[in-house]
Amino acid sequence: MCFSATASFGSAALLLVGGTLCIRHAIKNDKTYLLLAITPILFALQQVSEGVVWIGHNGNLTSLTTASSIFFLFFALLFWLAWIPIVAFSLETKRWKRIFLLY
């Protein structure tokens, strides 16, 4: 949330609850949406890592701040760039659009 550990952990908790409900709904009704339903859980992990960055920063714990920053940046700069197209590919039904998403 970019302003406190409390906000980051609070949003992570809400995302975990929402993601759990989404996953349960996808499993029960349409497993095609499972990858999309998992997305809030993954974002919750990113928010937890941001909360840990704040704890490390406020406590002047350099190694904790560094490790959690790298984990956060993995999500921010790499993971989402791959995950969102994968989810879109899994939901797309038209063949030409699936081929386009592969590229």
PDB file of N, CA and C in Angstrom:
ATOM      1  N   MET A   1       0.823  -1.190   0.000  1.00  0.00           N
ATOM      2  CA  MET A   1       0.000   0.000   0.000  1.00  0.00           C
ATOM      3  C   MET A   1       0.867   1.253   0.000  1.00  0.00           C
ATOM      4  N   CYS A   2       2.140   1.093   0.142  1.00  0.00           N
ATOM      5  CA  CYS A   2       3.107   2.168   0.005  1.00  0.00           C
ATOM      6  C   CYS A   2       3.093   3.216   1.110  1.00  0.00           C
ATOM      7  N   PHE A   3       2.470   2.945   2.235  1.00  0.00           N
ATOM      8  CA  PHE A   3       2.567   3.939   3.301  1.00  0.00           C
ATOM      9  C   PHE A   3       2.689   3.374   4.697  1.00  0.00           C
ATOM     10  N   SER A   4       2.464   2.091   4.926  1.00  0.00           N
ATOM     11  CA  SER A   4       2.705   1.516   6.251  1.00  0.00           C
ATOM     12  C   SER A   4       2.612  -0.004   6.204  1.00  0.00           C
ATOM     13  N   ALA A   5       3.255  -0.625   7.196  1.00  0.00           N
ATOM     14  CA  ALA A   5       3.179  -2.083   7.308  1.00  0.00           C
ATOM     15  C   ALA A   5       1.759  -2.510   7.630  1.00  0.00           C
ATOM     16  N   THR A   6       1.086  -1.736   8.474  1.00  0.00           N
ATOM     17  CA  THR A   6      -0.288  -2.071   8.859  1.00  0.00           C
ATOM     18  C   THR A   6      -1.204  -2.097   7.649  1.00  0.00           C
ATOM     19  N   ALA A   7      -1.086  -1.093   6.788  1.00  0.00           N
ATOM     20  CA  ALA A   7      -1.920  -1.051   5.584  1.00  0.00           C
ATOM     21  C   ALA A   7      -1.606  -2.228   4.664  1.00  0.00           C
ATOM     22  N   SER A   8      -0.330  -2.549   4.518  1.00  0.00           N
ATOM     23  CA  SER A   8       0.055  -3.666   3.650  1.00  0.00           C
ATOM     24  C   SER A   8      -0.468  -4.995   4.182  1.00  0.00           C
ATOM     25  N   PHE A   9      -0.301  -5.226   5.487  1.00  0.00           N
ATOM     26  CA  PHE A   9      -0.788  -6.482   6.062  1.00  0.00           C
ATOM     27  C   PHE A   9      -2.314  -6.537   6.081  1.00  0.00           C
ATOM     28  N   GLY A  10      -2.958  -5.397   6.304  1.00  0.00           N
ATOM     29  CA  GLY A  10      -4.421  -5.356   6.275  1.00  0.00           C
ATOM     30  C   GLY A  10      -4.972  -5.671   4.899  1.00  0.00           C
ATOM     31  N   SER A  11      -4.378  -5.067   3.876  1.00  0.00           N
ATOM     32  CA  SER A  11      -4.838  -5.364   2.519  1.00  0.00           C
ATOM     33  C   SER A  11      -4.530  -6.812   2.147  1.00  0.00           C
ATOM     34  N   ALA A  12      -3.401  -7.337   2.614  1.00  0.00           N
ATOM     35  CA  ALA A  12      -3.071  -8.741   2.347  1.00  0.00           C
ATOM     36  C   ALA A  12      -4.114  -9.666   2.966  1.00  0.00           C
ATOM     37  N   ALA A  13      -4.558  -9.345   4.179  1.00  0.00           N
ATOM     38  CA  ALA A  13      -5.569 -10.171   4.836  1.00  0.00           C
ATOM     39  C   ALA A  13      -6.874 -10.154   4.047  1.00  0.00           C
ATOM     40  N   LEU A  14      -7.288  -8.973   3.605  1.00  0.00           N
ATOM     41  CA  LEU A  14      -8.521  -8.876   2.811  1.00  0.00           C
ATOM     42  C   LEU A  14      -8.385  -9.613   1.483  1.00  0.00           C
ATOM     43  N   LEU A  15      -7.227  -9.493   0.868  1.00  0.00           N
ATOM     44  CA  LEU A  15      -6.990 -10.200  -0.389  1.00  0.00           C
ATOM     45  C   LEU A  15      -6.988 -11.715  -0.198  1.00  0.00           C
ATOM     46  N   LEU A  16      -6.456 -12.187   0.908  1.00  0.00           N
ATOM     47  CA  LEU A  16      -6.473 -13.634   1.186  1.00  0.00           C
ATOM     48  C   LEU A  16      -7.900 -14.146   1.342  1.00  0.00           C
ATOM     49  N   VAL A  17      -8.719 -13.397   2.057  1.00  0.00           N
ATOM     50  CA  VAL A  17     -10.117 -13.805   2.235  1.00  0.00           C
ATOM     51  C   VAL A  17     -10.843 -13.787   0.888  1.00  0.00           C
ATOM     52  N   GLY A  18     -10.698 -12.672   0.166  1.00  0.00           N
ATOM     53  CA  GLY A  18     -11.350 -12.571  -1.143  1.00  0.00           C
ATOM     54  C   GLY A  18     -10.860 -13.617  -2.120  1.00  0.00           C
ATOM     55  N   GLY A  19      -9.558 -13.857  -2.129  1.00  0.00           N
ATOM     56  CA  GLY A  19      -9.000 -14.866  -3.020  1.00  0.00           C
ATOM     57  C   GLY A  19      -9.467 -16.264  -2.685  1.00  0.00           C
ATOM     58  N   THR A  20      -9.580 -16.548  -1.402  1.00  0.00           N
ATOM     59  CA  THR A  20     -10.092 -17.857  -0.984  1.00  0.00           C
ATOM     60  C   THR A  20     -11.526 -18.056  -1.455  1.00  0.00           C
ATOM     61  N   LEU A  21     -12.330 -17.026  -1.313  1.00  0.00           N
ATOM     62  CA  LEU A  21     -13.718 -17.112  -1.788  1.00  0.00           C
ATOM     63  C   LEU A  21     -13.770 -17.279  -3.304  1.00  0.00           C
ATOM     64  N   CYS A  22     -12.907 -16.562  -4.018  1.00  0.00           N
ATOM     65  CA  CYS A  22     -12.856 -16.696  -5.475  1.00  0.00           C
ATOM     66  C   CYS A  22     -12.453 -18.102  -5.898  1.00  0.00           C
ATOM     67  N   ILE A  23     -11.458 -18.660  -5.223  1.00  0.00           N
ATOM     68  CA  ILE A  23     -10.995 -20.012  -5.551  1.00  0.00           C
ATOM     69  C   ILE A  23     -12.101 -21.029  -5.288  1.00  0.00           C
ATOM     70  N   ARG A  24     -12.756 -20.910  -4.148  1.00  0.00           N
ATOM     71  CA  ARG A  24     -13.852 -21.832  -3.839  1.00  0.00           C
ATOM     72  C   ARG A  24     -14.952 -21.745  -4.889  1.00  0.00           C
ATOM     73  N   HIS A  25     -15.277 -20.527  -5.300  1.00  0.00           N
ATOM     74  CA  HIS A  25     -16.321 -20.339  -6.310  1.00  0.00           C
ATOM     75  C   HIS A  25     -15.892 -20.930  -7.657  1.00  0.00           C
ATOM     76  N   ALA A  26     -14.631 -20.710  -8.043  1.00  0.00           N
ATOM     77  CA  ALA A  26     -14.146 -21.239  -9.321  1.00  0.00           C
ATOM     78  C   ALA A  26     -14.136 -22.764  -9.322  1.00  0.00           C
ATOM     79  N   ILE A  27     -13.711 -23.358  -8.219  1.00  0.00           N
ATOM     80  CA  ILE A  27     -13.685 -24.823  -8.139  1.00  0.00           C
ATOM     81  C   ILE A  27     -15.098 -25.383  -8.201  1.00  0.00           C
ATOM     82  N   LYS A  28     -16.015 -24.726  -7.539  1.00  0.00           N
ATOM     83  CA  LYS A  28     -17.391 -25.215  -7.482  1.00  0.00           C
ATOM     84  C   LYS A  28     -18.138 -25.027  -8.810  1.00  0.00           C
ATOM     85  N   ASN A  29     -17.904 -23.903  -9.481  1.00  0.00           N
ATOM     86  CA  ASN A  29     -18.721 -23.563 -10.645  1.00  0.00           C
ATOM     87  C   ASN A  29     -18.031 -23.719 -11.994  1.00  0.00           C
ATOM     88  N   ASP A  30     -16.804 -23.223 -12.122  1.00  0.00           N
ATOM     89  CA  ASP A  30     -16.132 -23.277 -13.424  1.00  0.00           C
ATOM     90  C   ASP A  30     -14.627 -23.190 -13.218  1.00  0.00           C
ATOM     91  N   LYS A  31     -13.961 -24.318 -13.355  1.00  0.00           N
ATOM     92  CA  LYS A  31     -12.520 -24.379 -13.112  1.00  0.00           C
ATOM     93  C   LYS A  31     -11.709 -23.602 -14.147  1.00  0.00           C
ATOM     94  N   THR A  32     -12.346 -23.180 -15.220  1.00  0.00           N
ATOM     95  CA  THR A  32     -11.670 -22.364 -16.218  1.00  0.00           C
ATOM     96  C   THR A  32     -11.139 -21.079 -15.592  1.00  0.00           C
ATOM     97  N   TYR A  33     -11.815 -20.575 -14.585  1.00  0.00           N
ATOM     98  CA  TYR A  33     -11.463 -19.307 -13.948  1.00  0.00           C
ATOM     99  C   TYR A  33     -10.505 -19.472 -12.761  1.00  0.00           C
ATOM    100  N   LEU A  34      -9.965 -20.649 -12.572  1.00  0.00           N
ATOM    101  CA  LEU A  34      -9.121 -20.902 -11.409  1.00  0.00           C
ATOM    102  C   LEU A  34      -7.861 -20.033 -11.381  1.00  0.00           C
ATOM    103  N   LEU A  35      -7.184 -19.888 -12.512  1.00  0.00           N
ATOM    104  CA  LEU A  35      -5.987 -19.042 -12.526  1.00  0.00           C
ATOM    105  C   LEU A  35      -6.329 -17.592 -12.193  1.00  0.00           C
ATOM    106  N   LEU A  36      -7.437 -17.112 -12.699  1.00  0.00           N
ATOM    107  CA  LEU A  36      -7.883 -15.763 -12.365  1.00  0.00           C
ATOM    108  C   LEU A  36      -8.232 -15.662 -10.887  1.00  0.00           C
ATOM    109  N   ALA A  37      -8.834 -16.697 -10.344  1.00  0.00           N
ATOM    110  CA  ALA A  37      -9.239 -16.704  -8.938  1.00  0.00           C
ATOM    111  C   ALA A  37      -8.033 -16.735  -7.998  1.00  0.00           C
ATOM    112  N   ILE A  38      -6.932 -17.292  -8.440  1.00  0.00           N
ATOM    113  CA  ILE A  38      -5.717 -17.369  -7.630  1.00  0.00           C
ATOM    114  C   ILE A  38      -5.028 -16.007  -7.527  1.00  0.00           C
ATOM    115  N   THR A  39      -5.271 -15.129  -8.473  1.00  0.00           N
ATOM    116  CA  THR A  39      -4.583 -13.847  -8.560  1.00  0.00           C
ATOM    117  C   THR A  39      -4.629 -13.019  -7.271  1.00  0.00           C
ATOM    118  N   PRO A  40      -5.773 -12.887  -6.574  1.00  0.00           N
ATOM    119  CA  PRO A  40      -5.748 -12.124  -5.320  1.00  0.00           C
ATOM    120  C   PRO A  40      -4.822 -12.713  -4.255  1.00  0.00           C
ATOM    121  N   ILE A  41      -4.695 -14.030  -4.224  1.00  0.00           N
ATOM    122  CA  ILE A  41      -3.789 -14.669  -3.265  1.00  0.00           C
ATOM    123  C   ILE A  41      -2.338 -14.276  -3.576  1.00  0.00           C
ATOM    124  N   LEU A  42      -1.998 -14.265  -4.850  1.00  0.00           N
ATOM    125  CA  LEU A  42      -0.646 -13.886  -5.253  1.00  0.00           C
ATOM    126  C   LEU A  42      -0.371 -12.415  -4.943  1.00  0.00           C
ATOM    127  N   PHE A  43      -1.374 -11.581  -5.167  1.00  0.00           N
ATOM    128  CA  PHE A  43      -1.202 -10.173  -4.833  1.00  0.00           C
ATOM    129  C   PHE A  43      -1.075  -9.993  -3.318  1.00  0.00           C
ATOM    130  N   ALA A  44      -1.754 -10.830  -2.547  1.00  0.00           N
ATOM    131  CA  ALA A  44      -1.613 -10.785  -1.088  1.00  0.00           C
ATOM    132  C   ALA A  44      -0.174 -11.092  -0.684  1.00  0.00           C
ATOM    133  N   LEU A  45       0.459 -12.053  -1.365  1.00  0.00           N
ATOM    134  CA  LEU A  45       1.872 -12.346  -1.077  1.00  0.00           C
ATOM    135  C   LEU A  45       2.758 -11.131  -1.342  1.00  0.00           C
ATOM    136  N   GLN A  46       2.457 -10.423  -2.417  1.00  0.00           N
ATOM    137  CA  GLN A  46       3.215  -9.216  -2.715  1.00  0.00           C
ATOM    138  C   GLN A  46       2.998  -8.169  -1.622  1.00  0.00           C
ATOM    139  N   GLN A  47       1.769  -8.043  -1.139  1.00  0.00           N
ATOM    140  CA  GLN A  47       1.479  -7.071  -0.085  1.00  0.00           C
ATOM    141  C   GLN A  47       2.156  -7.449   1.235  1.00  0.00           C
ATOM    142  N   VAL A  48       2.220  -8.733   1.534  1.00  0.00           N
ATOM    143  CA  VAL A  48       2.937  -9.173   2.739  1.00  0.00           C
ATOM    144  C   VAL A  48       4.416  -8.813   2.622  1.00  0.00           C
ATOM    145  N   SER A  49       4.988  -9.037   1.449  1.00  0.00           N
ATOM    146  CA  SER A  49       6.401  -8.686   1.270  1.00  0.00           C
ATOM    147  C   SER A  49       6.611  -7.189   1.431  1.00  0.00           C
ATOM    148  N   GLU A  50       5.658  -6.385   0.990  1.00  0.00           N
ATOM    149  CA  GLU A  50       5.775  -4.942   1.187  1.00  0.00           C
ATOM    150  C   GLU A  50       5.684  -4.580   2.668  1.00  0.00           C
ATOM    151  N   GLY A  51       4.809  -5.258   3.399  1.00  0.00           N
ATOM    152  CA  GLY A  51       4.725  -5.030   4.839  1.00  0.00           C
ATOM    153  C   GLY A  51       6.030  -5.365   5.543  1.00  0.00           C
ATOM    154  N   VAL A  52       6.675  -6.438   5.095  1.00  0.00           N
ATOM    155  CA  VAL A  52       7.962  -6.826   5.680  1.00  0.00           C
ATOM    156  C   VAL A  52       9.040  -5.793   5.324  1.00  0.00           C
ATOM    157  N   VAL A  53       8.947  -5.217   4.130  1.00  0.00           N
ATOM    158  CA  VAL A  53       9.868  -4.131   3.775  1.00  0.00           C
ATOM    159  C   VAL A  53       9.735  -2.995   4.786  1.00  0.00           C
ATOM    160  N   TRP A  54       8.497  -2.634   5.120  1.00  0.00           N
ATOM    161  CA  TRP A  54       8.273  -1.552   6.091  1.00  0.00           C
ATOM    162  C   TRP A  54       8.827  -1.914   7.468  1.00  0.00           C
ATOM    163  N   ILE A  55       8.632  -3.149   7.885  1.00  0.00           N
ATOM    164  CA  ILE A  55       9.160  -3.574   9.188  1.00  0.00           C
ATOM    165  C   ILE A  55      10.684  -3.486   9.186  1.00  0.00           C
ATOM    166  N   GLY A  56      11.299  -3.979   8.121  1.00  0.00           N
ATOM    167  CA  GLY A  56      12.752  -3.904   8.018  1.00  0.00           C
ATOM    168  C   GLY A  56      13.257  -2.476   7.957  1.00  0.00           C
ATOM    169  N   HIS A  57      12.551  -1.639   7.222  1.00  0.00           N
ATOM    170  CA  HIS A  57      12.956  -0.229   7.100  1.00  0.00           C
ATOM    171  C   HIS A  57      12.825   0.495   8.432  1.00  0.00           C
ATOM    172  N   ASN A  58      11.707   0.304   9.097  1.00  0.00           N
ATOM    173  CA  ASN A  58      11.479   0.984  10.376  1.00  0.00           C
ATOM    174  C   ASN A  58      12.411   0.464  11.478  1.00  0.00           C
ATOM    175  N   GLY A  59      12.797  -0.791  11.396  1.00  0.00           N
ATOM    176  CA  GLY A  59      13.688  -1.379  12.395  1.00  0.00           C
ATOM    177  C   GLY A  59      15.154  -1.308  12.024  1.00  0.00           C
ATOM    178  N   ASN A  60      15.444  -0.664  10.874  1.00  0.00           N
ATOM    179  CA  ASN A  60      16.814  -0.551  10.392  1.00  0.00           C
ATOM    180  C   ASN A  60      17.480  -1.926  10.235  1.00  0.00           C
ATOM    181  N   LEU A  61      16.708  -2.868   9.700  1.00  0.00           N
ATOM    182  CA  LEU A  61      17.187  -4.236   9.465  1.00  0.00           C
ATOM    183  C   LEU A  61      17.492  -4.383   7.970  1.00  0.00           C
ATOM    184  N   THR A  62      18.696  -4.117   7.603  1.00  0.00           N
ATOM    185  CA  THR A  62      19.085  -4.037   6.200  1.00  0.00           C
ATOM    186  C   THR A  62      18.856  -5.340   5.444  1.00  0.00           C
ATOM    187  N   SER A  63      19.244  -6.460   6.028  1.00  0.00           N
ATOM    188  CA  SER A  63      19.107  -7.735   5.314  1.00  0.00           C
ATOM    189  C   SER A  63      17.629  -8.095   5.113  1.00  0.00           C
ATOM    190  N   LEU A  64      16.785  -7.828   6.096  1.00  0.00           N
ATOM    191  CA  LEU A  64      15.358  -8.094   5.951  1.00  0.00           C
ATOM    192  C   LEU A  64      14.748  -7.184   4.890  1.00  0.00           C
ATOM    193  N   THR A  65      15.120  -5.923   4.920  1.00  0.00           N
ATOM    194  CA  THR A  65      14.623  -4.970   3.924  1.00  0.00           C
ATOM    195  C   THR A  65      15.054  -5.377   2.526  1.00  0.00           C
ATOM    196  N   THR A  66      16.302  -5.780   2.376  1.00  0.00           N
ATOM    197  CA  THR A  66      16.818  -6.183   1.061  1.00  0.00           C
ATOM    198  C   THR A  66      16.102  -7.416   0.537  1.00  0.00           C
ATOM    199  N   ALA A  67      15.991  -8.433   1.365  1.00  0.00           N
ATOM    200  CA  ALA A  67      15.356  -9.687   0.924  1.00  0.00           C
ATOM    201  C   ALA A  67      13.891  -9.474   0.564  1.00  0.00           C
ATOM    202  N   SER A  68      13.167  -8.763   1.397  1.00  0.00           N
ATOM    203  CA  SER A  68      11.745  -8.552   1.119  1.00  0.00           C
ATOM    204  C   SER A  68      11.549  -7.596  -0.051  1.00  0.00           C
ATOM    205  N   SER A  69      12.462  -6.659  -0.248  1.00  0.00           N
ATOM    206  CA  SER A  69      12.387  -5.765  -1.411  1.00  0.00           C
ATOM    207  C   SER A  69      12.582  -6.544  -2.700  1.00  0.00           C
ATOM    208  N   ILE A  70      13.527  -7.467  -2.695  1.00  0.00           N
ATOM    209  CA  ILE A  70      13.761  -8.293  -3.887  1.00  0.00           C
ATOM    210  C   ILE A  70      12.541  -9.147  -4.187  1.00  0.00           C
ATOM    211  N   PHE A  71      11.927  -9.722  -3.147  1.00  0.00           N
ATOM    212  CA  PHE A  71      10.713 -10.523  -3.341  1.00  0.00           C
ATOM    213  C   PHE A  71       9.585  -9.648  -3.899  1.00  0.00           C
ATOM    214  N   PHE A  72       9.423  -8.449  -3.353  1.00  0.00           N
ATOM    215  CA  PHE A  72       8.400  -7.518  -3.842  1.00  0.00           C
ATOM    216  C   PHE A  72       8.665  -7.153  -5.302  1.00  0.00           C
ATOM    217  N   LEU A  73       9.908  -6.829  -5.619  1.00  0.00           N
ATOM    218  CA  LEU A  73      10.242  -6.434  -6.987  1.00  0.00           C
ATOM    219  C   LEU A  73      10.103  -7.582  -7.977  1.00  0.00           C
ATOM    220  N   PHE A  74      10.314  -8.807  -7.514  1.00  0.00           N
ATOM    221  CA  PHE A  74      10.060  -9.965  -8.373  1.00  0.00           C
ATOM    222  C   PHE A  74       8.622  -9.924  -8.875  1.00  0.00           C
ATOM    223  N   PHE A  75       7.685  -9.690  -7.956  1.00  0.00           N
ATOM    224  CA  PHE A  75       6.285  -9.598  -8.359  1.00  0.00           C
ATOM    225  C   PHE A  75       6.046  -8.383  -9.247  1.00  0.00           C
ATOM    226  N   ALA A  76       6.515  -7.225  -8.808  1.00  0.00           N
ATOM    227  CA  ALA A  76       6.215  -5.973  -9.493  1.00  0.00           C
ATOM    228  C   ALA A  76       6.802  -5.896 -10.896  1.00  0.00           C
ATOM    229  N   LEU A  77       8.003  -6.402 -11.079  1.00  0.00           N
ATOM    230  CA  LEU A  77       8.707  -6.214 -12.349  1.00  0.00           C
ATOM    231  C   LEU A  77       8.766  -7.439 -13.253  1.00  0.00           C
ATOM    232  N   LEU A  78       8.494  -8.612 -12.715  1.00  0.00           N
ATOM    233  CA  LEU A  78       8.622  -9.823 -13.525  1.00  0.00           C
ATOM    234  C   LEU A  78       7.352 -10.672 -13.515  1.00  0.00           C
ATOM    235  N   PHE A  79       6.914 -11.042 -12.337  1.00  0.00           N
ATOM    236  CA  PHE A  79       5.834 -12.013 -12.227  1.00  0.00           C
ATOM    237  C   PHE A  79       4.551 -11.554 -12.914  1.00  0.00           C
ATOM    238  N   TRP A  80       4.096 -10.332 -12.611  1.00  0.00           N
ATOM    239  CA  TRP A  80       2.824  -9.874 -13.178  1.00  0.00           C
ATOM    240  C   TRP A  80       2.886  -9.760 -14.691  1.00  0.00           C
ATOM    241  N   LEU A  81       4.060  -9.439 -15.224  1.00  0.00           N
ATOM    242  CA  LEU A  81       4.198  -9.333 -16.681  1.00  0.00           C
ATOM    243  C   LEU A  81       4.006 -10.681 -17.376  1.00  0.00           C
ATOM    244  N   ALA A  82       4.279 -11.759 -16.678  1.00  0.00           N
ATOM    245  CA  ALA A  82       4.061 -13.095 -17.228  1.00  0.00           C
ATOM    246  C   ALA A  82       2.691 -13.641 -16.834  1.00  0.00           C
ATOM    247  N   TRP A  83       2.284 -13.402 -15.593  1.00  0.00           N
ATOM    248  CA  TRP A  83       1.061 -14.009 -15.070  1.00  0.00           C
ATOM    249  C   TRP A  83      -0.201 -13.532 -15.794  1.00  0.00           C
ATOM    250  N   ILE A  84      -0.339 -12.242 -16.005  1.00  0.00           N
ATOM    251  CA  ILE A  84      -1.559 -11.703 -16.613  1.00  0.00           C
ATOM    252  C   ILE A  84      -1.783 -12.267 -18.025  1.00  0.00           C
ATOM    253  N   PRO A  85      -0.769 -12.320 -18.899  1.00  0.00           N
ATOM    254  CA  PRO A  85      -0.993 -12.965 -20.200  1.00  0.00           C
ATOM    255  C   PRO A  85      -1.320 -14.453 -20.091  1.00  0.00           C
ATOM    256  N   ILE A  86      -0.729 -15.136 -19.112  1.00  0.00           N
ATOM    257  CA  ILE A  86      -1.050 -16.554 -18.923  1.00  0.00           C
ATOM    258  C   ILE A  86      -2.517 -16.722 -18.549  1.00  0.00           C
ATOM    259  N   VAL A  87      -3.001 -15.871 -17.651  1.00  0.00           N
ATOM    260  CA  VAL A  87      -4.413 -15.921 -17.249  1.00  0.00           C
ATOM    261  C   VAL A  87      -5.301 -15.601 -18.447  1.00  0.00           C
ATOM    262  N   ALA A  88      -4.943 -14.569 -19.200  1.00  0.00           N
ATOM    263  CA  ALA A  88      -5.737 -14.204 -20.382  1.00  0.00           C
ATOM    264  C   ALA A  88      -5.771 -15.357 -21.386  1.00  0.00           C
ATOM    265  N   PHE A  89      -4.629 -16.005 -21.580  1.00  0.00           N
ATOM    266  CA  PHE A  89      -4.557 -17.155 -22.487  1.00  0.00           C
ATOM    267  C   PHE A  89      -5.471 -18.270 -22.011  1.00  0.00           C
ATOM    268  N   SER A  90      -5.482 -18.526 -20.717  1.00  0.00           N
ATOM    269  CA  SER A  90      -6.291 -19.625 -20.191  1.00  0.00           C
ATOM    270  C   SER A  90      -7.792 -19.357 -20.320  1.00  0.00           C
ATOM    271  N   LEU A  91      -8.173 -18.093 -20.372  1.00  0.00           N
ATOM    272  CA  LEU A  91      -9.597 -17.746 -20.471  1.00  0.00           C
ATOM    273  C   LEU A  91     -10.081 -17.558 -21.907  1.00  0.00           C
ATOM    274  N   GLU A  92      -9.155 -17.326 -22.825  1.00  0.00           N
ATOM    275  CA  GLU A  92      -9.535 -17.043 -24.205  1.00  0.00           C
ATOM    276  C   GLU A  92     -10.038 -18.294 -24.914  1.00  0.00           C
ATOM    277  N   THR A  93     -11.117 -18.144 -25.660  1.00  0.00           N
ATOM    278  CA  THR A  93     -11.703 -19.279 -26.371  1.00  0.00           C
ATOM    279  C   THR A  93     -11.440 -19.227 -27.875  1.00  0.00           C
ATOM    280  N   LYS A  94     -11.177 -18.054 -28.424  1.00  0.00           N
ATOM    281  CA  LYS A  94     -10.929 -17.946 -29.862  1.00  0.00           C
ATOM    282  C   LYS A  94      -9.473 -18.296 -30.160  1.00  0.00           C
ATOM    283  N   ARG A  95      -9.320 -19.198 -31.140  1.00  0.00           N
ATOM    284  CA  ARG A  95      -7.991 -19.728 -31.442  1.00  0.00           C
ATOM    285  C   ARG A  95      -7.009 -18.645 -31.864  1.00  0.00           C
ATOM    286  N   TRP A  96      -7.434 -17.720 -32.720  1.00  0.00           N
ATOM    287  CA  TRP A  96      -6.519 -16.698 -33.211  1.00  0.00           C
ATOM    288  C   TRP A  96      -6.056 -15.780 -32.077  1.00  0.00           C
ATOM    289  N   LYS A  97      -6.915 -15.548 -31.112  1.00  0.00           N
ATOM    290  CA  LYS A  97      -6.509 -14.723 -29.975  1.00  0.00           C
ATOM    291  C   LYS A  97      -5.546 -15.467 -29.056  1.00  0.00           C
ATOM    292  N   ARG A  98      -5.743 -16.777 -28.922  1.00  0.00           N
ATOM    293  CA  ARG A  98      -4.803 -17.570 -28.117  1.00  0.00           C
ATOM    294  C   ARG A  98      -3.420 -17.569 -28.750  1.00  0.00           C
ATOM    295  N   ILE A  99      -3.368 -17.691 -30.085  1.00  0.00           N
ATOM    296  CA  ILE A  99      -2.094 -17.643 -30.800  1.00  0.00           C
ATOM    297  C   ILE A  99      -1.444 -16.280 -30.601  1.00  0.00           C
ATOM    298  N   PHE A 100      -2.237 -15.217 -30.695  1.00  0.00           N
ATOM    299  CA  PHE A 100      -1.720 -13.864 -30.479  1.00  0.00           C
ATOM    300  C   PHE A 100      -1.130 -13.727 -29.073  1.00  0.00           C
ATOM    301  N   LEU A 101      -1.807 -14.275 -28.081  1.00  0.00           N
ATOM    302  CA  LEU A 101      -1.329 -14.187 -26.703  1.00  0.00           C
ATOM    303  C   LEU A 101      -0.046 -14.976 -26.483  1.00  0.00           C
ATOM    304  N   LEU A 102       0.168 -16.008 -27.261  1.00  0.00           N
ATOM    305  CA  LEU A 102       1.421 -16.764 -27.164  1.00  0.00           C
ATOM    306  C   LEU A 102       2.613 -15.915 -27.552  1.00  0.00           C
ATOM    307  N   TYR A 103       2.389 -15.032 -28.514  1.00  0.00           N
ATOM    308  CA  TYR A 103       3.483 -14.157 -28.967  1.00  0.00           C
ATOM    309  C   TYR A 103       3.654 -13.016 -28.000  1.00  0.00           C
TER     310      TYR A 103
END
